N, C-alpha and C. Protein backbone atom coordinates (compact mmCIF):
# COMPACT_ATOMS: atom_id res chain seq x y z
N MET A 1 -69.06 18.35 26.55
CA MET A 1 -68.52 17.99 25.27
C MET A 1 -67.00 17.89 25.42
N SER A 2 -66.41 16.86 24.90
CA SER A 2 -64.97 16.62 25.03
C SER A 2 -64.28 16.76 23.68
N TYR A 3 -63.14 17.46 23.66
CA TYR A 3 -62.34 17.64 22.46
C TYR A 3 -60.95 17.10 22.70
N ARG A 4 -60.33 16.55 21.67
CA ARG A 4 -58.95 16.07 21.78
C ARG A 4 -57.99 17.24 21.97
N VAL A 5 -58.28 18.36 21.31
CA VAL A 5 -57.47 19.56 21.43
C VAL A 5 -58.39 20.65 21.95
N PRO A 6 -58.01 21.38 23.00
CA PRO A 6 -58.90 22.43 23.48
C PRO A 6 -59.04 23.53 22.44
N PHE A 7 -60.27 23.90 22.14
CA PHE A 7 -60.50 24.92 21.12
C PHE A 7 -60.25 26.31 21.67
N ALA A 8 -60.57 26.55 22.91
CA ALA A 8 -60.39 27.88 23.47
C ALA A 8 -59.42 27.79 24.63
N CYS A 9 -58.34 28.54 24.56
CA CYS A 9 -57.40 28.58 25.67
C CYS A 9 -56.66 29.90 25.65
N ILE A 10 -56.14 30.26 26.79
CA ILE A 10 -55.35 31.48 26.87
C ILE A 10 -53.95 31.14 26.43
N ALA A 11 -53.46 31.85 25.43
CA ALA A 11 -52.13 31.59 24.89
C ALA A 11 -51.33 32.88 25.03
N ALA A 12 -50.59 32.98 26.09
CA ALA A 12 -49.85 34.21 26.38
C ALA A 12 -48.92 34.60 25.24
N SER A 13 -48.37 33.62 24.56
CA SER A 13 -47.45 33.94 23.47
C SER A 13 -48.14 34.60 22.30
N LEU A 14 -49.48 34.50 22.22
CA LEU A 14 -50.20 35.10 21.10
C LEU A 14 -50.89 36.40 21.47
N LEU A 15 -50.92 36.73 22.75
CA LEU A 15 -51.63 37.93 23.15
C LEU A 15 -50.70 39.12 23.14
N ALA A 16 -51.17 40.21 22.64
CA ALA A 16 -50.36 41.43 22.57
C ALA A 16 -50.55 42.20 23.88
N GLY A 17 -49.59 42.09 24.78
CA GLY A 17 -49.64 42.80 26.06
C GLY A 17 -50.57 42.16 27.05
N ALA A 18 -50.64 42.75 28.22
CA ALA A 18 -51.49 42.22 29.28
C ALA A 18 -52.94 42.52 28.94
N ALA A 19 -53.78 41.56 29.15
CA ALA A 19 -55.20 41.72 28.84
C ALA A 19 -56.00 41.60 30.13
N PRO A 20 -57.11 42.30 30.20
CA PRO A 20 -57.96 42.14 31.36
C PRO A 20 -58.50 40.72 31.42
N ALA A 21 -58.91 40.29 32.61
CA ALA A 21 -59.42 38.93 32.76
C ALA A 21 -60.63 38.75 31.85
N GLN A 22 -60.62 37.67 31.07
CA GLN A 22 -61.71 37.36 30.17
C GLN A 22 -62.00 35.88 30.27
N SER A 23 -63.19 35.51 29.85
CA SER A 23 -63.51 34.09 29.88
C SER A 23 -62.67 33.37 28.84
N PRO A 24 -62.33 32.09 29.08
CA PRO A 24 -61.53 31.35 28.11
C PRO A 24 -62.16 31.31 26.72
N GLU A 25 -63.49 31.31 26.63
CA GLU A 25 -64.14 31.27 25.32
C GLU A 25 -63.89 32.54 24.52
N SER A 26 -63.55 33.66 25.22
CA SER A 26 -63.33 34.90 24.48
C SER A 26 -61.92 34.98 23.91
N LEU A 27 -61.06 34.05 24.28
CA LEU A 27 -59.70 34.03 23.77
C LEU A 27 -59.46 32.74 23.02
N VAL A 28 -58.61 32.78 22.02
CA VAL A 28 -58.35 31.58 21.25
C VAL A 28 -56.87 31.52 20.92
N SER A 29 -56.31 30.35 21.04
CA SER A 29 -54.95 30.14 20.57
C SER A 29 -55.04 29.81 19.09
N LEU A 30 -54.33 30.53 18.29
CA LEU A 30 -54.38 30.29 16.85
C LEU A 30 -53.44 29.18 16.41
N GLN A 31 -52.51 28.81 17.27
CA GLN A 31 -51.51 27.82 16.88
C GLN A 31 -52.18 26.51 16.47
N GLY A 32 -51.76 26.00 15.33
CA GLY A 32 -52.29 24.74 14.82
C GLY A 32 -52.75 24.88 13.38
N THR A 33 -53.55 23.92 12.96
CA THR A 33 -54.06 23.87 11.59
C THR A 33 -55.57 24.04 11.63
N TRP A 34 -56.07 24.87 10.75
CA TRP A 34 -57.50 25.16 10.65
C TRP A 34 -57.95 24.88 9.23
N GLU A 35 -59.16 24.31 9.09
CA GLU A 35 -59.72 24.10 7.75
C GLU A 35 -60.92 25.02 7.58
N MET A 36 -61.10 25.47 6.35
CA MET A 36 -62.19 26.38 6.07
C MET A 36 -63.52 25.65 6.12
N VAL A 37 -64.48 26.28 6.77
CA VAL A 37 -65.84 25.78 6.84
C VAL A 37 -66.70 26.53 5.82
N SER A 38 -66.48 27.85 5.73
CA SER A 38 -67.30 28.67 4.84
C SER A 38 -66.59 29.99 4.55
N ALA A 39 -66.92 30.57 3.41
CA ALA A 39 -66.47 31.91 3.05
C ALA A 39 -67.59 32.54 2.22
N TYR A 40 -67.99 33.73 2.59
CA TYR A 40 -69.05 34.40 1.86
C TYR A 40 -68.90 35.91 2.02
N GLU A 41 -69.64 36.64 1.20
CA GLU A 41 -69.61 38.09 1.23
C GLU A 41 -71.04 38.60 1.41
N ILE A 42 -71.14 39.72 2.13
CA ILE A 42 -72.41 40.43 2.23
C ILE A 42 -72.22 41.77 1.52
N LYS A 43 -73.01 41.97 0.48
CA LYS A 43 -72.92 43.20 -0.32
C LYS A 43 -73.59 44.35 0.42
N ALA A 44 -73.32 45.57 -0.02
CA ALA A 44 -73.88 46.76 0.61
C ALA A 44 -75.41 46.73 0.64
N ASP A 45 -76.04 46.07 -0.34
CA ASP A 45 -77.50 45.98 -0.37
C ASP A 45 -78.05 44.84 0.49
N GLY A 46 -77.14 44.12 1.19
CA GLY A 46 -77.56 43.04 2.09
C GLY A 46 -77.61 41.66 1.47
N THR A 47 -77.38 41.55 0.16
CA THR A 47 -77.40 40.24 -0.48
C THR A 47 -76.11 39.49 -0.20
N ARG A 48 -76.21 38.17 -0.26
CA ARG A 48 -75.08 37.28 0.03
C ARG A 48 -74.53 36.72 -1.28
N SER A 49 -73.20 36.62 -1.37
CA SER A 49 -72.56 36.01 -2.52
C SER A 49 -71.38 35.16 -2.05
N THR A 50 -70.83 34.38 -2.97
CA THR A 50 -69.70 33.52 -2.62
C THR A 50 -68.67 33.53 -3.74
N ASN A 51 -67.57 34.26 -3.55
CA ASN A 51 -66.49 34.27 -4.55
C ASN A 51 -65.83 32.90 -4.68
N TYR A 52 -65.84 32.13 -3.60
CA TYR A 52 -65.13 30.84 -3.59
C TYR A 52 -66.09 29.66 -3.66
N GLY A 53 -67.35 29.90 -4.01
CA GLY A 53 -68.33 28.83 -4.11
C GLY A 53 -68.93 28.47 -2.77
N GLU A 54 -69.91 27.61 -2.80
CA GLU A 54 -70.61 27.22 -1.56
C GLU A 54 -69.76 26.35 -0.63
N HIS A 55 -68.79 25.64 -1.19
CA HIS A 55 -67.95 24.75 -0.37
C HIS A 55 -66.48 24.95 -0.73
N PRO A 56 -65.91 26.10 -0.32
CA PRO A 56 -64.51 26.36 -0.67
C PRO A 56 -63.57 25.44 0.09
N LEU A 57 -62.38 25.27 -0.45
CA LEU A 57 -61.31 24.55 0.25
C LEU A 57 -60.34 25.59 0.79
N GLY A 58 -59.99 25.44 2.07
CA GLY A 58 -59.06 26.39 2.65
C GLY A 58 -58.30 25.78 3.79
N LEU A 59 -57.09 26.27 4.00
CA LEU A 59 -56.24 25.80 5.08
C LEU A 59 -55.49 27.00 5.65
N LEU A 60 -55.49 27.09 6.96
CA LEU A 60 -54.77 28.13 7.69
C LEU A 60 -53.90 27.42 8.71
N THR A 61 -52.60 27.68 8.69
CA THR A 61 -51.71 27.10 9.70
C THR A 61 -50.99 28.24 10.40
N VAL A 62 -50.83 28.07 11.72
CA VAL A 62 -50.14 29.06 12.55
C VAL A 62 -49.18 28.31 13.45
N ASP A 63 -47.91 28.76 13.48
CA ASP A 63 -46.93 28.09 14.34
C ASP A 63 -46.72 28.88 15.64
N ALA A 64 -45.87 28.36 16.51
CA ALA A 64 -45.64 28.96 17.82
C ALA A 64 -44.98 30.33 17.74
N ALA A 65 -44.36 30.64 16.60
CA ALA A 65 -43.70 31.94 16.42
C ALA A 65 -44.63 32.95 15.73
N HIS A 66 -45.92 32.65 15.65
CA HIS A 66 -46.93 33.53 15.06
C HIS A 66 -46.89 33.56 13.54
N ARG A 67 -46.07 32.73 12.90
CA ARG A 67 -46.05 32.70 11.44
C ARG A 67 -47.28 31.94 10.95
N TYR A 68 -47.90 32.47 9.90
CA TYR A 68 -49.09 31.81 9.35
C TYR A 68 -48.95 31.68 7.85
N ASN A 69 -49.72 30.75 7.30
CA ASN A 69 -49.94 30.72 5.86
C ASN A 69 -51.38 30.30 5.64
N MET A 70 -51.98 30.88 4.62
CA MET A 70 -53.40 30.67 4.36
C MET A 70 -53.62 30.48 2.87
N GLN A 71 -54.46 29.52 2.55
CA GLN A 71 -54.87 29.29 1.17
C GLN A 71 -56.38 29.07 1.14
N ILE A 72 -57.03 29.71 0.18
CA ILE A 72 -58.47 29.51 -0.03
C ILE A 72 -58.68 29.31 -1.53
N PHE A 73 -59.44 28.28 -1.90
CA PHE A 73 -59.68 27.98 -3.31
C PHE A 73 -61.15 27.66 -3.57
N ARG A 74 -61.65 28.17 -4.68
CA ARG A 74 -62.99 27.80 -5.14
C ARG A 74 -62.87 26.43 -5.81
N VAL A 75 -63.72 25.53 -5.43
CA VAL A 75 -63.76 24.20 -6.05
C VAL A 75 -64.30 24.35 -7.47
N GLY A 76 -63.69 23.63 -8.41
CA GLY A 76 -64.19 23.62 -9.78
C GLY A 76 -63.62 24.70 -10.68
N ARG A 77 -62.54 25.35 -10.25
CA ARG A 77 -61.92 26.31 -11.17
C ARG A 77 -61.51 25.56 -12.44
N PRO A 78 -61.71 26.16 -13.61
CA PRO A 78 -61.41 25.44 -14.85
C PRO A 78 -59.91 25.23 -15.05
N ALA A 79 -59.56 24.07 -15.53
CA ALA A 79 -58.17 23.78 -15.89
C ALA A 79 -57.82 24.58 -17.15
N PHE A 80 -56.55 24.89 -17.32
CA PHE A 80 -56.09 25.58 -18.53
C PHE A 80 -56.12 24.59 -19.70
N ALA A 81 -56.79 24.96 -20.77
CA ALA A 81 -56.93 24.07 -21.92
C ALA A 81 -55.56 23.69 -22.50
N SER A 82 -54.60 24.61 -22.44
CA SER A 82 -53.27 24.34 -22.99
C SER A 82 -52.47 23.38 -22.11
N GLY A 83 -52.87 23.24 -20.84
CA GLY A 83 -52.09 22.42 -19.91
C GLY A 83 -50.81 23.11 -19.47
N ASP A 84 -50.63 24.36 -19.85
CA ASP A 84 -49.41 25.11 -19.56
C ASP A 84 -49.78 26.38 -18.78
N LYS A 85 -49.25 26.51 -17.57
CA LYS A 85 -49.54 27.65 -16.70
C LYS A 85 -49.19 28.98 -17.38
N ALA A 86 -48.20 28.99 -18.25
CA ALA A 86 -47.75 30.22 -18.91
C ALA A 86 -48.54 30.55 -20.17
N ARG A 87 -49.50 29.68 -20.56
CA ARG A 87 -50.25 29.91 -21.81
C ARG A 87 -51.75 29.80 -21.60
N GLY A 88 -52.25 30.47 -20.57
CA GLY A 88 -53.69 30.47 -20.34
C GLY A 88 -54.39 31.56 -21.13
N THR A 89 -55.69 31.41 -21.25
CA THR A 89 -56.49 32.46 -21.87
C THR A 89 -56.77 33.53 -20.81
N PRO A 90 -57.18 34.73 -21.22
CA PRO A 90 -57.53 35.75 -20.22
C PRO A 90 -58.58 35.26 -19.22
N GLU A 91 -59.57 34.52 -19.68
CA GLU A 91 -60.61 34.02 -18.77
C GLU A 91 -60.05 32.94 -17.83
N GLU A 92 -59.16 32.08 -18.32
CA GLU A 92 -58.55 31.08 -17.45
C GLU A 92 -57.72 31.75 -16.35
N TYR A 93 -56.97 32.79 -16.71
CA TYR A 93 -56.20 33.53 -15.71
C TYR A 93 -57.12 34.22 -14.71
N ARG A 94 -58.19 34.81 -15.19
CA ARG A 94 -59.15 35.49 -14.32
C ARG A 94 -59.75 34.51 -13.31
N GLN A 95 -60.19 33.36 -13.80
CA GLN A 95 -60.79 32.36 -12.91
C GLN A 95 -59.77 31.83 -11.89
N ALA A 96 -58.53 31.66 -12.32
CA ALA A 96 -57.49 31.18 -11.41
C ALA A 96 -57.21 32.18 -10.31
N VAL A 97 -57.17 33.46 -10.66
CA VAL A 97 -56.85 34.50 -9.67
C VAL A 97 -58.05 34.81 -8.77
N VAL A 98 -59.21 35.05 -9.35
CA VAL A 98 -60.38 35.41 -8.57
C VAL A 98 -60.86 34.23 -7.71
N GLY A 99 -60.59 33.03 -8.15
CA GLY A 99 -61.04 31.84 -7.42
C GLY A 99 -60.06 31.34 -6.38
N SER A 100 -59.07 32.17 -6.03
CA SER A 100 -58.11 31.75 -5.00
C SER A 100 -57.59 32.95 -4.24
N SER A 101 -57.15 32.71 -3.02
CA SER A 101 -56.52 33.73 -2.20
C SER A 101 -55.48 33.04 -1.34
N THR A 102 -54.24 33.48 -1.43
CA THR A 102 -53.18 32.92 -0.60
C THR A 102 -52.33 34.05 -0.05
N HIS A 103 -51.89 33.90 1.18
CA HIS A 103 -50.95 34.85 1.75
C HIS A 103 -50.29 34.24 2.97
N PHE A 104 -49.14 34.82 3.36
CA PHE A 104 -48.45 34.38 4.56
C PHE A 104 -47.74 35.55 5.20
N GLY A 105 -47.39 35.36 6.48
CA GLY A 105 -46.72 36.40 7.26
C GLY A 105 -46.79 36.05 8.72
N THR A 106 -47.16 37.02 9.55
CA THR A 106 -47.35 36.76 10.98
C THR A 106 -48.75 37.22 11.38
N VAL A 107 -49.26 36.59 12.44
CA VAL A 107 -50.59 36.95 12.94
C VAL A 107 -50.56 36.97 14.46
N THR A 108 -51.22 37.95 15.04
CA THR A 108 -51.36 38.06 16.49
C THR A 108 -52.81 38.37 16.81
N ILE A 109 -53.12 38.26 18.08
CA ILE A 109 -54.47 38.57 18.57
C ILE A 109 -54.40 39.83 19.42
N ASP A 110 -55.27 40.77 19.13
CA ASP A 110 -55.49 41.91 20.02
C ASP A 110 -56.77 41.58 20.76
N SER A 111 -56.62 40.97 21.94
CA SER A 111 -57.80 40.47 22.66
C SER A 111 -58.66 41.61 23.19
N ALA A 112 -58.07 42.75 23.50
CA ALA A 112 -58.85 43.88 24.01
C ALA A 112 -59.83 44.38 22.94
N LYS A 113 -59.42 44.37 21.68
CA LYS A 113 -60.27 44.84 20.59
C LYS A 113 -60.98 43.69 19.89
N HIS A 114 -60.67 42.45 20.26
CA HIS A 114 -61.24 41.26 19.63
C HIS A 114 -60.92 41.25 18.13
N GLN A 115 -59.61 41.44 17.84
CA GLN A 115 -59.17 41.51 16.45
C GLN A 115 -57.97 40.60 16.20
N LEU A 116 -57.95 40.03 15.01
CA LEU A 116 -56.77 39.34 14.51
C LEU A 116 -55.98 40.36 13.70
N VAL A 117 -54.67 40.34 13.86
CA VAL A 117 -53.81 41.29 13.15
C VAL A 117 -52.85 40.48 12.28
N PHE A 118 -53.08 40.52 10.97
CA PHE A 118 -52.24 39.83 10.01
C PHE A 118 -51.24 40.83 9.43
N ASP A 119 -49.95 40.56 9.60
CA ASP A 119 -48.91 41.32 8.92
C ASP A 119 -48.47 40.47 7.72
N VAL A 120 -48.92 40.88 6.55
CA VAL A 120 -48.76 40.08 5.33
C VAL A 120 -47.38 40.31 4.73
N LYS A 121 -46.64 39.23 4.58
CA LYS A 121 -45.32 39.30 3.94
C LYS A 121 -45.45 39.16 2.43
N ALA A 122 -46.20 38.17 1.98
CA ALA A 122 -46.43 37.96 0.55
C ALA A 122 -47.85 37.45 0.35
N ALA A 123 -48.42 37.76 -0.82
CA ALA A 123 -49.81 37.39 -1.09
C ALA A 123 -50.04 37.22 -2.59
N SER A 124 -51.02 36.39 -2.93
CA SER A 124 -51.38 36.25 -4.34
C SER A 124 -51.98 37.56 -4.86
N PHE A 125 -52.53 38.38 -3.99
CA PHE A 125 -52.98 39.73 -4.35
C PHE A 125 -51.88 40.69 -3.91
N PRO A 126 -51.05 41.15 -4.85
CA PRO A 126 -49.85 41.92 -4.49
C PRO A 126 -50.12 43.18 -3.66
N ASN A 127 -51.31 43.75 -3.75
CA ASN A 127 -51.62 44.96 -3.00
C ASN A 127 -51.57 44.75 -1.49
N TRP A 128 -51.68 43.50 -1.03
CA TRP A 128 -51.63 43.21 0.41
C TRP A 128 -50.21 43.06 0.94
N GLU A 129 -49.24 42.88 0.06
CA GLU A 129 -47.88 42.59 0.52
C GLU A 129 -47.31 43.76 1.31
N GLY A 130 -46.73 43.42 2.46
CA GLY A 130 -46.15 44.43 3.34
C GLY A 130 -47.17 45.25 4.10
N LYS A 131 -48.43 44.85 4.03
CA LYS A 131 -49.50 45.59 4.69
C LYS A 131 -50.02 44.84 5.91
N ARG A 132 -50.68 45.58 6.77
CA ARG A 132 -51.33 45.00 7.95
C ARG A 132 -52.82 44.87 7.64
N GLN A 133 -53.36 43.70 7.90
CA GLN A 133 -54.78 43.42 7.71
C GLN A 133 -55.38 43.14 9.09
N VAL A 134 -56.36 43.92 9.51
CA VAL A 134 -56.99 43.77 10.82
C VAL A 134 -58.40 43.23 10.60
N ARG A 135 -58.73 42.17 11.35
CA ARG A 135 -60.02 41.50 11.19
C ARG A 135 -60.70 41.33 12.55
N ASP A 136 -61.93 41.81 12.67
CA ASP A 136 -62.73 41.51 13.87
C ASP A 136 -63.03 40.03 13.86
N TYR A 137 -62.92 39.37 15.03
CA TYR A 137 -63.17 37.94 15.06
C TYR A 137 -64.11 37.56 16.19
N THR A 138 -64.71 36.37 16.03
CA THR A 138 -65.47 35.72 17.09
C THR A 138 -64.99 34.29 17.17
N PHE A 139 -65.11 33.73 18.33
CA PHE A 139 -64.79 32.32 18.53
C PHE A 139 -65.92 31.72 19.33
N LYS A 140 -66.69 30.84 18.69
CA LYS A 140 -67.86 30.28 19.34
C LYS A 140 -68.09 28.87 18.83
N ASP A 141 -68.38 27.96 19.74
CA ASP A 141 -68.70 26.58 19.40
C ASP A 141 -67.59 25.93 18.55
N GLY A 142 -66.34 26.28 18.84
CA GLY A 142 -65.20 25.69 18.14
C GLY A 142 -64.93 26.28 16.77
N LEU A 143 -65.66 27.33 16.39
CA LEU A 143 -65.45 27.95 15.09
C LEU A 143 -64.84 29.33 15.25
N LEU A 144 -63.80 29.59 14.47
CA LEU A 144 -63.17 30.90 14.41
C LEU A 144 -63.73 31.60 13.17
N SER A 145 -64.35 32.75 13.38
CA SER A 145 -64.93 33.53 12.28
C SER A 145 -64.33 34.92 12.31
N TYR A 146 -64.03 35.44 11.13
CA TYR A 146 -63.58 36.82 11.09
C TYR A 146 -64.14 37.51 9.86
N ALA A 147 -64.20 38.84 9.95
CA ALA A 147 -64.76 39.66 8.88
C ALA A 147 -63.66 40.51 8.27
N VAL A 148 -63.68 40.58 6.94
CA VAL A 148 -62.80 41.48 6.19
C VAL A 148 -63.65 42.72 5.95
N PRO A 149 -63.30 43.83 6.59
CA PRO A 149 -64.18 45.01 6.51
C PRO A 149 -64.30 45.57 5.10
N ALA A 150 -65.42 46.25 4.88
CA ALA A 150 -65.64 46.92 3.61
C ALA A 150 -64.62 48.02 3.43
N SER A 151 -64.20 48.22 2.21
CA SER A 151 -63.27 49.31 1.89
C SER A 151 -63.79 50.03 0.66
N ALA A 152 -63.15 51.14 0.33
CA ALA A 152 -63.56 51.88 -0.86
C ALA A 152 -63.46 51.01 -2.11
N SER A 153 -62.42 50.17 -2.16
CA SER A 153 -62.23 49.33 -3.34
C SER A 153 -63.16 48.11 -3.37
N SER A 154 -63.79 47.78 -2.23
CA SER A 154 -64.66 46.60 -2.20
C SER A 154 -66.12 46.92 -2.46
N SER A 155 -66.43 48.16 -2.77
CA SER A 155 -67.82 48.58 -3.04
C SER A 155 -68.76 48.26 -1.90
N GLY A 156 -68.27 48.34 -0.67
CA GLY A 156 -69.12 48.10 0.50
C GLY A 156 -69.32 46.65 0.86
N ILE A 157 -68.60 45.74 0.23
CA ILE A 157 -68.74 44.31 0.50
C ILE A 157 -67.93 43.94 1.74
N VAL A 158 -68.55 43.19 2.66
CA VAL A 158 -67.86 42.66 3.83
C VAL A 158 -67.74 41.15 3.62
N ALA A 159 -66.51 40.65 3.68
CA ALA A 159 -66.27 39.21 3.48
C ALA A 159 -66.10 38.52 4.81
N TYR A 160 -66.59 37.29 4.92
CA TYR A 160 -66.49 36.51 6.15
C TYR A 160 -65.80 35.18 5.86
N SER A 161 -64.94 34.77 6.78
CA SER A 161 -64.26 33.47 6.69
C SER A 161 -64.51 32.74 7.99
N ILE A 162 -64.83 31.45 7.90
CA ILE A 162 -65.12 30.63 9.07
C ILE A 162 -64.25 29.40 9.02
N TRP A 163 -63.57 29.13 10.15
CA TRP A 163 -62.57 28.06 10.23
C TRP A 163 -62.83 27.17 11.43
N ARG A 164 -62.45 25.89 11.29
CA ARG A 164 -62.52 24.91 12.38
C ARG A 164 -61.13 24.28 12.53
N ARG A 165 -60.67 24.18 13.79
CA ARG A 165 -59.37 23.59 14.05
C ARG A 165 -59.38 22.10 13.69
N VAL A 166 -58.31 21.66 13.06
CA VAL A 166 -58.14 20.25 12.70
C VAL A 166 -57.41 19.57 13.85
N ALA A 167 -57.95 18.48 14.33
CA ALA A 167 -57.30 17.73 15.42
C ALA A 167 -56.00 17.13 14.90
N PRO A 168 -54.96 17.16 15.74
CA PRO A 168 -53.67 16.59 15.29
C PRO A 168 -53.75 15.09 15.05
């Protein structure tokens, strides 16, 4: 199979420290633009849900200096009836906030632990600002997948995001 841009490569600038020899498929360069393929949650009881709908829109970009920005949106969020961002109803604000997630900062790979490490500078969810978010990841068949681990505040829900690199 031939790709215009190699999906899996060793990127020394993204690896934190020296790593033991690993197959190229086990390492991924994050630099570039990625589009969301899927986002879903698995609840503590094993059921699946989708905060962002079955076909969310998302974009993740990472530059050579490890800076990233990420946006995820549920398709079909209702427009504000007033047409004014400052005059929404409580439900319009709820749908706008719950149906989107944006943040930016820096991201690195801890290849030994198979984790992405996001240092969040700013986020649409203010509780993440200035915090480190660690995500277990896999890279297989050109897809980057990572899990947002369950926390006390998430009621045992584990969220998954799946991304595909966009060819330049």
